[in-house]
Amino acid sequence: MYGPASGPKCQKAHSPRLTFVTFEDAQMEYYALGLAVLGAAVGIAFRWKVLLPIICLLPAASIIFYISHDLSFLEAAIVVILTQVILQGGYFAGLLIRAIATVCMRSKRSL
């Protein structure tokens, strides 16, 4: 009654294959990690006035990357958007770290 023969025929799923990370893929991940660390460092040490010039220079650097890697327009747009998101996400994390550190320092002083 029940079983594989009674139900609708389904296609056999392909087993996932292991894919190896190329040097270029790993390099891009390191660039993204470095960009996030840069954003966090700026968030911890400075206010938004220091972040603003970096945000203005980042699209130019992304466009240079786009031209040097011969990407399509859609891929270039994704690169520009992702670099901004990663940098600003790191900056926000840096601001949170700074706020938590400030609260901890104030609570130690009052004890």
PDB file of N, CA and C in Angstrom:
ATOM      1  N   MET A   1       0.816  -1.186   0.000  1.00  0.00           N
ATOM      2  CA  MET A   1       0.000   0.000   0.000  1.00  0.00           C
ATOM      3  C   MET A   1       0.864   1.256   0.000  1.00  0.00           C
ATOM      4  N   TYR A   2       1.699   1.367   0.987  1.00  0.00           N
ATOM      5  CA  TYR A   2       2.572   2.522   1.055  1.00  0.00           C
ATOM      6  C   TYR A   2       3.980   2.088   0.680  1.00  0.00           C
ATOM      7  N   GLY A   3       4.713   3.006   0.159  1.00  0.00           N
ATOM      8  CA  GLY A   3       6.080   2.688  -0.219  1.00  0.00           C
ATOM      9  C   GLY A   3       6.451   3.430  -1.482  1.00  0.00           C
ATOM     10  N   PRO A   4       7.610   3.171  -1.993  1.00  0.00           N
ATOM     11  CA  PRO A   4       8.069   3.905  -3.162  1.00  0.00           C
ATOM     12  C   PRO A   4       7.244   3.627  -4.415  1.00  0.00           C
ATOM     13  N   ALA A   5       6.666   2.434  -4.508  1.00  0.00           N
ATOM     14  CA  ALA A   5       5.916   2.099  -5.715  1.00  0.00           C
ATOM     15  C   ALA A   5       4.543   2.751  -5.733  1.00  0.00           C
ATOM     16  N   SER A   6       3.977   3.058  -4.558  1.00  0.00           N
ATOM     17  CA  SER A   6       2.621   3.581  -4.525  1.00  0.00           C
ATOM     18  C   SER A   6       2.551   5.086  -4.729  1.00  0.00           C
ATOM     19  N   GLY A   7       3.595   5.812  -4.410  1.00  0.00           N
ATOM     20  CA  GLY A   7       3.581   7.266  -4.516  1.00  0.00           C
ATOM     21  C   GLY A   7       3.992   7.738  -5.896  1.00  0.00           C
ATOM     22  N   PRO A   8       3.953   9.057  -6.089  1.00  0.00           N
ATOM     23  CA  PRO A   8       4.390   9.584  -7.379  1.00  0.00           C
ATOM     24  C   PRO A   8       5.880   9.333  -7.558  1.00  0.00           C
ATOM     25  N   LYS A   9       6.248   9.170  -8.787  1.00  0.00           N
ATOM     26  CA  LYS A   9       7.653   8.895  -9.073  1.00  0.00           C
ATOM     27  C   LYS A   9       8.463  10.169  -8.833  1.00  0.00           C
ATOM     28  N   CYS A  10       9.529  10.012  -8.148  1.00  0.00           N
ATOM     29  CA  CYS A  10      10.382  11.162  -7.893  1.00  0.00           C
ATOM     30  C   CYS A  10      11.780  10.849  -8.414  1.00  0.00           C
ATOM     31  N   GLN A  11      12.455  11.896  -8.745  1.00  0.00           N
ATOM     32  CA  GLN A  11      13.798  11.721  -9.263  1.00  0.00           C
ATOM     33  C   GLN A  11      14.758  11.482  -8.112  1.00  0.00           C
ATOM     34  N   LYS A  12      15.723  10.696  -8.395  1.00  0.00           N
ATOM     35  CA  LYS A  12      16.716  10.394  -7.388  1.00  0.00           C
ATOM     36  C   LYS A  12      17.605  11.624  -7.189  1.00  0.00           C
ATOM     37  N   ALA A  13      17.766  12.024  -5.952  1.00  0.00           N
ATOM     38  CA  ALA A  13      18.577  13.210  -5.659  1.00  0.00           C
ATOM     39  C   ALA A  13      20.049  12.865  -5.842  1.00  0.00           C
ATOM     40  N   HIS A  14      20.770  13.794  -6.412  1.00  0.00           N
ATOM     41  CA  HIS A  14      22.197  13.602  -6.576  1.00  0.00           C
ATOM     42  C   HIS A  14      22.880  13.833  -5.246  1.00  0.00           C
ATOM     43  N   SER A  15      23.855  13.031  -4.964  1.00  0.00           N
ATOM     44  CA  SER A  15      24.590  13.217  -3.721  1.00  0.00           C
ATOM     45  C   SER A  15      25.475  14.450  -3.856  1.00  0.00           C
ATOM     46  N   PRO A  16      25.585  15.210  -2.787  1.00  0.00           N
ATOM     47  CA  PRO A  16      26.423  16.423  -2.871  1.00  0.00           C
ATOM     48  C   PRO A  16      27.885  16.041  -3.075  1.00  0.00           C
ATOM     49  N   ARG A  17      28.534  16.774  -3.903  1.00  0.00           N
ATOM     50  CA  ARG A  17      29.941  16.517  -4.172  1.00  0.00           C
ATOM     51  C   ARG A  17      30.793  17.494  -3.373  1.00  0.00           C
ATOM     52  N   LEU A  18      31.933  17.024  -3.018  1.00  0.00           N
ATOM     53  CA  LEU A  18      32.866  17.904  -2.340  1.00  0.00           C
ATOM     54  C   LEU A  18      33.467  18.853  -3.355  1.00  0.00           C
ATOM     55  N   THR A  19      33.440  20.108  -3.036  1.00  0.00           N
ATOM     56  CA  THR A  19      34.084  21.078  -3.907  1.00  0.00           C
ATOM     57  C   THR A  19      35.263  21.663  -3.154  1.00  0.00           C
ATOM     58  N   PHE A  20      36.324  21.845  -3.849  1.00  0.00           N
ATOM     59  CA  PHE A  20      37.520  22.379  -3.226  1.00  0.00           C
ATOM     60  C   PHE A  20      37.560  23.883  -3.420  1.00  0.00           C
ATOM     61  N   VAL A  21      38.002  24.555  -2.394  1.00  0.00           N
ATOM     62  CA  VAL A  21      38.106  26.003  -2.432  1.00  0.00           C
ATOM     63  C   VAL A  21      39.387  26.364  -3.175  1.00  0.00           C
ATOM     64  N   THR A  22      39.247  27.194  -4.163  1.00  0.00           N
ATOM     65  CA  THR A  22      40.424  27.626  -4.896  1.00  0.00           C
ATOM     66  C   THR A  22      41.113  28.745  -4.128  1.00  0.00           C
ATOM     67  N   PHE A  23      42.320  29.043  -4.536  1.00  0.00           N
ATOM     68  CA  PHE A  23      43.087  30.105  -3.883  1.00  0.00           C
ATOM     69  C   PHE A  23      42.367  31.437  -3.999  1.00  0.00           C
ATOM     70  N   GLU A  24      41.753  31.686  -5.166  1.00  0.00           N
ATOM     71  CA  GLU A  24      41.064  32.967  -5.368  1.00  0.00           C
ATOM     72  C   GLU A  24      39.854  33.085  -4.453  1.00  0.00           C
ATOM     73  N   ASP A  25      39.106  31.983  -4.252  1.00  0.00           N
ATOM     74  CA  ASP A  25      37.964  32.016  -3.344  1.00  0.00           C
ATOM     75  C   ASP A  25      38.411  32.282  -1.912  1.00  0.00           C
ATOM     76  N   ALA A  26      39.472  31.620  -1.495  1.00  0.00           N
ATOM     77  CA  ALA A  26      39.980  31.827  -0.140  1.00  0.00           C
ATOM     78  C   ALA A  26      40.500  33.251   0.020  1.00  0.00           C
ATOM     79  N   GLN A  27      41.108  33.770  -1.015  1.00  0.00           N
ATOM     80  CA  GLN A  27      41.625  35.128  -0.965  1.00  0.00           C
ATOM     81  C   GLN A  27      40.483  36.127  -0.793  1.00  0.00           C
ATOM     82  N   MET A  28      39.374  35.910  -1.457  1.00  0.00           N
ATOM     83  CA  MET A  28      38.222  36.804  -1.327  1.00  0.00           C
ATOM     84  C   MET A  28      37.659  36.746   0.091  1.00  0.00           C
ATOM     85  N   GLU A  29      37.649  35.563   0.685  1.00  0.00           N
ATOM     86  CA  GLU A  29      37.163  35.456   2.059  1.00  0.00           C
ATOM     87  C   GLU A  29      38.079  36.217   3.020  1.00  0.00           C
ATOM     88  N   TYR A  30      39.373  36.152   2.782  1.00  0.00           N
ATOM     89  CA  TYR A  30      40.298  36.899   3.619  1.00  0.00           C
ATOM     90  C   TYR A  30      40.125  38.408   3.441  1.00  0.00           C
ATOM     91  N   TYR A  31      39.864  38.844   2.215  1.00  0.00           N
ATOM     92  CA  TYR A  31      39.590  40.263   1.991  1.00  0.00           C
ATOM     93  C   TYR A  31      38.333  40.703   2.739  1.00  0.00           C
ATOM     94  N   ALA A  32      37.293  39.875   2.692  1.00  0.00           N
ATOM     95  CA  ALA A  32      36.053  40.206   3.394  1.00  0.00           C
ATOM     96  C   ALA A  32      36.282  40.247   4.900  1.00  0.00           C
ATOM     97  N   LEU A  33      37.045  39.300   5.417  1.00  0.00           N
ATOM     98  CA  LEU A  33      37.347  39.290   6.843  1.00  0.00           C
ATOM     99  C   LEU A  33      38.170  40.521   7.231  1.00  0.00           C
ATOM    100  N   GLY A  34      39.128  40.872   6.406  1.00  0.00           N
ATOM    101  CA  GLY A  34      39.925  42.066   6.667  1.00  0.00           C
ATOM    102  C   GLY A  34      39.090  43.329   6.644  1.00  0.00           C
ATOM    103  N   LEU A  35      38.136  43.393   5.729  1.00  0.00           N
ATOM    104  CA  LEU A  35      37.247  44.547   5.645  1.00  0.00           C
ATOM    105  C   LEU A  35      36.372  44.648   6.885  1.00  0.00           C
ATOM    106  N   ALA A  36      35.891  43.502   7.385  1.00  0.00           N
ATOM    107  CA  ALA A  36      35.088  43.508   8.610  1.00  0.00           C
ATOM    108  C   ALA A  36      35.926  43.923   9.813  1.00  0.00           C
ATOM    109  N   VAL A  37      37.161  43.458   9.874  1.00  0.00           N
ATOM    110  CA  VAL A  37      38.046  43.840  10.979  1.00  0.00           C
ATOM    111  C   VAL A  37      38.366  45.335  10.908  1.00  0.00           C
ATOM    112  N   LEU A  38      38.583  45.844   9.700  1.00  0.00           N
ATOM    113  CA  LEU A  38      38.813  47.280   9.528  1.00  0.00           C
ATOM    114  C   LEU A  38      37.613  48.079  10.021  1.00  0.00           C
ATOM    115  N   GLY A  39      36.412  47.646   9.661  1.00  0.00           N
ATOM    116  CA  GLY A  39      35.206  48.326  10.128  1.00  0.00           C
ATOM    117  C   GLY A  39      35.075  48.279  11.640  1.00  0.00           C
ATOM    118  N   ALA A  40      35.378  47.124  12.234  1.00  0.00           N
ATOM    119  CA  ALA A  40      35.299  47.006  13.696  1.00  0.00           C
ATOM    120  C   ALA A  40      36.338  47.898  14.371  1.00  0.00           C
ATOM    121  N   ALA A  41      37.534  47.949  13.815  1.00  0.00           N
ATOM    122  CA  ALA A  41      38.578  48.799  14.399  1.00  0.00           C
ATOM    123  C   ALA A  41      38.203  50.268  14.321  1.00  0.00           C
ATOM    124  N   VAL A  42      37.631  50.678  13.196  1.00  0.00           N
ATOM    125  CA  VAL A  42      37.186  52.069  13.061  1.00  0.00           C
ATOM    126  C   VAL A  42      36.044  52.340  14.035  1.00  0.00           C
ATOM    127  N   GLY A  43      35.145  51.369  14.199  1.00  0.00           N
ATOM    128  CA  GLY A  43      34.030  51.542  15.132  1.00  0.00           C
ATOM    129  C   GLY A  43      34.484  51.637  16.575  1.00  0.00           C
ATOM    130  N   ILE A  44      35.522  50.886  16.921  1.00  0.00           N
ATOM    131  CA  ILE A  44      36.031  50.925  18.290  1.00  0.00           C
ATOM    132  C   ILE A  44      36.793  52.229  18.549  1.00  0.00           C
ATOM    133  N   ALA A  45      37.603  52.644  17.607  1.00  0.00           N
ATOM    134  CA  ALA A  45      38.511  53.759  17.853  1.00  0.00           C
ATOM    135  C   ALA A  45      37.945  55.129  17.486  1.00  0.00           C
ATOM    136  N   PHE A  46      37.113  55.207  16.474  1.00  0.00           N
ATOM    137  CA  PHE A  46      36.700  56.505  15.952  1.00  0.00           C
ATOM    138  C   PHE A  46      35.188  56.614  15.847  1.00  0.00           C
ATOM    139  N   ARG A  47      34.756  57.814  15.547  1.00  0.00           N
ATOM    140  CA  ARG A  47      33.342  58.061  15.283  1.00  0.00           C
ATOM    141  C   ARG A  47      33.071  57.959  13.790  1.00  0.00           C
ATOM    142  N   TRP A  48      31.876  58.295  13.367  1.00  0.00           N
ATOM    143  CA  TRP A  48      31.466  58.106  11.976  1.00  0.00           C
ATOM    144  C   TRP A  48      32.194  59.026  11.014  1.00  0.00           C
ATOM    145  N   LYS A  49      32.794  60.116  11.501  1.00  0.00           N
ATOM    146  CA  LYS A  49      33.499  61.032  10.607  1.00  0.00           C
ATOM    147  C   LYS A  49      34.732  60.380   9.977  1.00  0.00           C
ATOM    148  N   VAL A  50      35.303  59.396  10.637  1.00  0.00           N
ATOM    149  CA  VAL A  50      36.432  58.664  10.067  1.00  0.00           C
ATOM    150  C   VAL A  50      35.922  57.598   9.102  1.00  0.00           C
ATOM    151  N   LEU A  51      34.769  57.029   9.399  1.00  0.00           N
ATOM    152  CA  LEU A  51      34.191  56.008   8.526  1.00  0.00           C
ATOM    153  C   LEU A  51      33.740  56.592   7.193  1.00  0.00           C
ATOM    154  N   LEU A  52      33.311  57.825   7.204  1.00  0.00           N
ATOM    155  CA  LEU A  52      32.759  58.443   5.991  1.00  0.00           C
ATOM    156  C   LEU A  52      33.729  58.453   4.812  1.00  0.00           C
ATOM    157  N   PRO A  53      34.996  58.872   4.973  1.00  0.00           N
ATOM    158  CA  PRO A  53      35.910  58.810   3.818  1.00  0.00           C
ATOM    159  C   PRO A  53      36.159  57.381   3.327  1.00  0.00           C
ATOM    160  N   ILE A  54      36.189  56.432   4.263  1.00  0.00           N
ATOM    161  CA  ILE A  54      36.382  55.035   3.858  1.00  0.00           C
ATOM    162  C   ILE A  54      35.193  54.560   3.036  1.00  0.00           C
ATOM    163  N   ILE A  55      33.995  54.946   3.459  1.00  0.00           N
ATOM    164  CA  ILE A  55      32.789  54.568   2.707  1.00  0.00           C
ATOM    165  C   ILE A  55      32.810  55.194   1.323  1.00  0.00           C
ATOM    166  N   CYS A  56      33.333  56.394   1.206  1.00  0.00           N
ATOM    167  CA  CYS A  56      33.396  57.050  -0.108  1.00  0.00           C
ATOM    168  C   CYS A  56      34.455  56.419  -1.022  1.00  0.00           C
ATOM    169  N   LEU A  57      35.552  55.932  -0.452  1.00  0.00           N
ATOM    170  CA  LEU A  57      36.613  55.323  -1.257  1.00  0.00           C
ATOM    171  C   LEU A  57      36.318  53.873  -1.627  1.00  0.00           C
ATOM    172  N   LEU A  58      35.478  53.205  -0.853  1.00  0.00           N
ATOM    173  CA  LEU A  58      35.221  51.795  -1.078  1.00  0.00           C
ATOM    174  C   LEU A  58      34.569  51.486  -2.424  1.00  0.00           C
ATOM    175  N   PRO A  59      33.577  52.264  -2.887  1.00  0.00           N
ATOM    176  CA  PRO A  59      33.031  51.972  -4.229  1.00  0.00           C
ATOM    177  C   PRO A  59      34.072  52.109  -5.334  1.00  0.00           C
ATOM    178  N   ALA A  60      34.984  53.064  -5.194  1.00  0.00           N
ATOM    179  CA  ALA A  60      36.040  53.205  -6.210  1.00  0.00           C
ATOM    180  C   ALA A  60      36.941  51.969  -6.211  1.00  0.00           C
ATOM    181  N   ALA A  61      37.297  51.484  -5.042  1.00  0.00           N
ATOM    182  CA  ALA A  61      38.113  50.268  -4.968  1.00  0.00           C
ATOM    183  C   ALA A  61      37.349  49.064  -5.511  1.00  0.00           C
ATOM    184  N   SER A  62      36.049  49.010  -5.264  1.00  0.00           N
ATOM    185  CA  SER A  62      35.227  47.918  -5.784  1.00  0.00           C
ATOM    186  C   SER A  62      35.142  47.969  -7.305  1.00  0.00           C
ATOM    187  N   ILE A  63      35.058  49.165  -7.859  1.00  0.00           N
ATOM    188  CA  ILE A  63      34.992  49.299  -9.319  1.00  0.00           C
ATOM    189  C   ILE A  63      36.322  48.894  -9.946  1.00  0.00           C
ATOM    190  N   ILE A  64      37.424  49.231  -9.307  1.00  0.00           N
ATOM    191  CA  ILE A  64      38.730  48.791  -9.809  1.00  0.00           C
ATOM    192  C   ILE A  64      38.809  47.266  -9.781  1.00  0.00           C
ATOM    193  N   PHE A  65      38.306  46.664  -8.711  1.00  0.00           N
ATOM    194  CA  PHE A  65      38.256  45.203  -8.629  1.00  0.00           C
ATOM    195  C   PHE A  65      37.381  44.637  -9.739  1.00  0.00           C
ATOM    196  N   TYR A  66      36.236  45.273  -9.989  1.00  0.00           N
ATOM    197  CA  TYR A  66      35.301  44.847 -11.035  1.00  0.00           C
ATOM    198  C   TYR A  66      35.974  44.867 -12.401  1.00  0.00           C
ATOM    199  N   ILE A  67      36.719  45.909 -12.691  1.00  0.00           N
ATOM    200  CA  ILE A  67      37.374  46.026 -13.991  1.00  0.00           C
ATOM    201  C   ILE A  67      38.512  45.007 -14.116  1.00  0.00           C
ATOM    202  N   SER A  68      39.279  44.826 -13.055  1.00  0.00           N
ATOM    203  CA  SER A  68      40.425  43.928 -13.138  1.00  0.00           C
ATOM    204  C   SER A  68      40.016  42.455 -13.226  1.00  0.00           C
ATOM    205  N   HIS A  69      38.838  42.095 -12.713  1.00  0.00           N
ATOM    206  CA  HIS A  69      38.392  40.709 -12.761  1.00  0.00           C
ATOM    207  C   HIS A  69      37.382  40.443 -13.869  1.00  0.00           C
ATOM    208  N   ASP A  70      37.079  41.444 -14.684  1.00  0.00           N
ATOM    209  CA  ASP A  70      36.180  41.299 -15.831  1.00  0.00           C
ATOM    210  C   ASP A  70      34.832  40.675 -15.430  1.00  0.00           C
ATOM    211  N   LEU A  71      34.173  41.312 -14.471  1.00  0.00           N
ATOM    212  CA  LEU A  71      32.884  40.824 -13.983  1.00  0.00           C
ATOM    213  C   LEU A  71      31.748  41.451 -14.774  1.00  0.00           C
ATOM    214  N   SER A  72      30.579  40.823 -14.707  1.00  0.00           N
ATOM    215  CA  SER A  72      29.398  41.406 -15.342  1.00  0.00           C
ATOM    216  C   SER A  72      28.887  42.564 -14.476  1.00  0.00           C
ATOM    217  N   PHE A  73      27.942  43.315 -15.007  1.00  0.00           N
ATOM    218  CA  PHE A  73      27.418  44.466 -14.267  1.00  0.00           C
ATOM    219  C   PHE A  73      26.722  44.019 -12.985  1.00  0.00           C
ATOM    220  N   LEU A  74      25.970  42.935 -13.050  1.00  0.00           N
ATOM    221  CA  LEU A  74      25.275  42.433 -11.862  1.00  0.00           C
ATOM    222  C   LEU A  74      26.276  42.000 -10.798  1.00  0.00           C
ATOM    223  N   GLU A  75      27.323  41.302 -11.202  1.00  0.00           N
ATOM    224  CA  GLU A  75      28.350  40.894 -10.245  1.00  0.00           C
ATOM    225  C   GLU A  75      29.057  42.103  -9.646  1.00  0.00           C
ATOM    226  N   ALA A  76      29.274  43.126 -10.458  1.00  0.00           N
ATOM    227  CA  ALA A  76      29.912  44.347  -9.956  1.00  0.00           C
ATOM    228  C   ALA A  76      29.023  45.033  -8.925  1.00  0.00           C
ATOM    229  N   ALA A  77      27.735  45.085  -9.188  1.00  0.00           N
ATOM    230  CA  ALA A  77      26.803  45.695  -8.233  1.00  0.00           C
ATOM    231  C   ALA A  77      26.800  44.913  -6.923  1.00  0.00           C
ATOM    232  N   ILE A  78      26.841  43.600  -7.019  1.00  0.00           N
ATOM    233  CA  ILE A  78      26.874  42.770  -5.809  1.00  0.00           C
ATOM    234  C   ILE A  78      28.163  43.014  -5.029  1.00  0.00           C
ATOM    235  N   VAL A  79      29.287  43.145  -5.732  1.00  0.00           N
ATOM    236  CA  VAL A  79      30.569  43.405  -5.066  1.00  0.00           C
ATOM    237  C   VAL A  79      30.522  44.735  -4.321  1.00  0.00           C
ATOM    238  N   VAL A  80      29.999  45.774  -4.965  1.00  0.00           N
ATOM    239  CA  VAL A  80      29.929  47.096  -4.332  1.00  0.00           C
ATOM    240  C   VAL A  80      29.024  47.052  -3.104  1.00  0.00           C
ATOM    241  N   ILE A  81      27.881  46.413  -3.226  1.00  0.00           N
ATOM    242  CA  ILE A  81      26.935  46.354  -2.110  1.00  0.00           C
ATOM    243  C   ILE A  81      27.500  45.520  -0.965  1.00  0.00           C
ATOM    244  N   LEU A  82      28.084  44.364  -1.288  1.00  0.00           N
ATOM    245  CA  LEU A  82      28.616  43.508  -0.231  1.00  0.00           C
ATOM    246  C   LEU A  82      29.783  44.146   0.515  1.00  0.00           C
ATOM    247  N   THR A  83      30.634  44.867  -0.194  1.00  0.00           N
ATOM    248  CA  THR A  83      31.734  45.527   0.509  1.00  0.00           C
ATOM    249  C   THR A  83      31.210  46.571   1.490  1.00  0.00           C
ATOM    250  N   GLN A  84      30.188  47.303   1.084  1.00  0.00           N
ATOM    251  CA  GLN A  84      29.595  48.295   1.991  1.00  0.00           C
ATOM    252  C   GLN A  84      28.938  47.617   3.192  1.00  0.00           C
ATOM    253  N   VAL A  85      28.222  46.531   2.942  1.00  0.00           N
ATOM    254  CA  VAL A  85      27.537  45.825   4.030  1.00  0.00           C
ATOM    255  C   VAL A  85      28.545  45.244   5.014  1.00  0.00           C
ATOM    256  N   ILE A  86      29.613  44.635   4.503  1.00  0.00           N
ATOM    257  CA  ILE A  86      30.615  44.039   5.378  1.00  0.00           C
ATOM    258  C   ILE A  86      31.309  45.112   6.213  1.00  0.00           C
ATOM    259  N   LEU A  87      31.705  46.203   5.579  1.00  0.00           N
ATOM    260  CA  LEU A  87      32.386  47.277   6.303  1.00  0.00           C
ATOM    261  C   LEU A  87      31.474  47.894   7.358  1.00  0.00           C
ATOM    262  N   GLN A  88      30.254  48.201   6.999  1.00  0.00           N
ATOM    263  CA  GLN A  88      29.354  48.846   7.954  1.00  0.00           C
ATOM    264  C   GLN A  88      28.891  47.882   9.036  1.00  0.00           C
ATOM    265  N   GLY A  89      28.786  46.597   8.712  1.00  0.00           N
ATOM    266  CA  GLY A  89      28.479  45.603   9.737  1.00  0.00           C
ATOM    267  C   GLY A  89      29.604  45.494  10.748  1.00  0.00           C
ATOM    268  N   GLY A  90      30.845  45.506  10.259  1.00  0.00           N
ATOM    269  CA  GLY A  90      31.996  45.505  11.156  1.00  0.00           C
ATOM    270  C   GLY A  90      32.049  46.760  11.997  1.00  0.00           C
ATOM    271  N   TYR A  91      31.716  47.896  11.400  1.00  0.00           N
ATOM    272  CA  TYR A  91      31.689  49.162  12.136  1.00  0.00           C
ATOM    273  C   TYR A  91      30.651  49.103  13.256  1.00  0.00           C
ATOM    274  N   PHE A  92      29.492  48.566  12.955  1.00  0.00           N
ATOM    275  CA  PHE A  92      28.438  48.441  13.958  1.00  0.00           C
ATOM    276  C   PHE A  92      28.888  47.512  15.086  1.00  0.00           C
ATOM    277  N   ALA A  93      29.552  46.416  14.742  1.00  0.00           N
ATOM    278  CA  ALA A  93      30.072  45.508  15.769  1.00  0.00           C
ATOM    279  C   ALA A  93      31.105  46.229  16.628  1.00  0.00           C
ATOM    280  N   GLY A  94      31.933  47.053  16.002  1.00  0.00           N
ATOM    281  CA  GLY A  94      32.910  47.836  16.754  1.00  0.00           C
ATOM    282  C   GLY A  94      32.248  48.819  17.708  1.00  0.00           C
ATOM    283  N   LEU A  95      31.167  49.436  17.252  1.00  0.00           N
ATOM    284  CA  LEU A  95      30.426  50.344  18.133  1.00  0.00           C
ATOM    285  C   LEU A  95      29.838  49.601  19.326  1.00  0.00           C
ATOM    286  N   LEU A  96      29.318  48.400  19.078  1.00  0.00           N
ATOM    287  CA  LEU A  96      28.768  47.608  20.183  1.00  0.00           C
ATOM    288  C   LEU A  96      29.864  47.217  21.179  1.00  0.00           C
ATOM    289  N   ILE A  97      31.011  46.802  20.662  1.00  0.00           N
ATOM    290  CA  ILE A  97      32.134  46.447  21.540  1.00  0.00           C
ATOM    291  C   ILE A  97      32.551  47.654  22.373  1.00  0.00           C
ATOM    292  N   ARG A  98      32.599  48.811  21.743  1.00  0.00           N
ATOM    293  CA  ARG A  98      32.980  50.039  22.441  1.00  0.00           C
ATOM    294  C   ARG A  98      31.963  50.407  23.516  1.00  0.00           C
ATOM    295  N   ALA A  99      30.679  50.270  23.208  1.00  0.00           N
ATOM    296  CA  ALA A  99      29.642  50.590  24.194  1.00  0.00           C
ATOM    297  C   ALA A  99      29.685  49.625  25.374  1.00  0.00           C
ATOM    298  N   ILE A 100      29.883  48.352  25.099  1.00  0.00           N
ATOM    299  CA  ILE A 100      29.962  47.362  26.182  1.00  0.00           C
ATOM    300  C   ILE A 100      31.198  47.619  27.046  1.00  0.00           C
ATOM    301  N   ALA A 101      32.320  47.944  26.407  1.00  0.00           N
ATOM    302  CA  ALA A 101      33.538  48.238  27.164  1.00  0.00           C
ATOM    303  C   ALA A 101      33.358  49.474  28.032  1.00  0.00           C
ATOM    304  N   THR A 102      32.659  50.484  27.518  1.00  0.00           N
ATOM    305  CA  THR A 102      32.414  51.701  28.298  1.00  0.00           C
ATOM    306  C   THR A 102      31.562  51.400  29.511  1.00  0.00           C
ATOM    307  N   VAL A 103      30.517  50.603  29.342  1.00  0.00           N
ATOM    308  CA  VAL A 103      29.651  50.241  30.465  1.00  0.00           C
ATOM    309  C   VAL A 103      30.429  49.446  31.511  1.00  0.00           C
ATOM    310  N   CYS A 104      31.273  48.531  31.067  1.00  0.00           N
ATOM    311  CA  CYS A 104      32.077  47.732  32.006  1.00  0.00           C
ATOM    312  C   CYS A 104      33.057  48.613  32.776  1.00  0.00           C
ATOM    313  N   MET A 105      33.669  49.571  32.092  1.00  0.00           N
ATOM    314  CA  MET A 105      34.615  50.466  32.762  1.00  0.00           C
ATOM    315  C   MET A 105      33.906  51.338  33.789  1.00  0.00           C
ATOM    316  N   ARG A 106      32.723  51.814  33.461  1.00  0.00           N
ATOM    317  CA  ARG A 106      31.972  52.654  34.407  1.00  0.00           C
ATOM    318  C   ARG A 106      31.529  51.854  35.615  1.00  0.00           C
ATOM    319  N   SER A 107      31.131  50.594  35.400  1.00  0.00           N
ATOM    320  CA  SER A 107      30.680  49.799  36.534  1.00  0.00           C
ATOM    321  C   SER A 107      31.855  49.450  37.458  1.00  0.00           C
ATOM    322  N   LYS A 108      33.076  49.300  36.910  1.00  0.00           N
ATOM    323  CA  LYS A 108      34.241  49.036  37.752  1.00  0.00           C
ATOM    324  C   LYS A 108      34.613  50.260  38.577  1.00  0.00           C
ATOM    325  N   ARG A 109      34.447  51.453  37.999  1.00  0.00           N
ATOM    326  CA  ARG A 109      34.760  52.684  38.724  1.00  0.00           C
ATOM    327  C   ARG A 109      33.807  52.915  39.888  1.00  0.00           C
ATOM    328  N   SER A 110      32.549  52.545  39.725  1.00  0.00           N
ATOM    329  CA  SER A 110      31.560  52.793  40.784  1.00  0.00           C
ATOM    330  C   SER A 110      31.673  51.779  41.924  1.00  0.00           C
ATOM    331  N   LEU A 111      32.380  50.691  41.703  1.00  0.00           N
ATOM    332  CA  LEU A 111      32.548  49.695  42.773  1.00  0.00           C
ATOM    333  C   LEU A 111      33.607  50.121  43.679  1.00  0.00           C
TER     334      LEU A 111
END
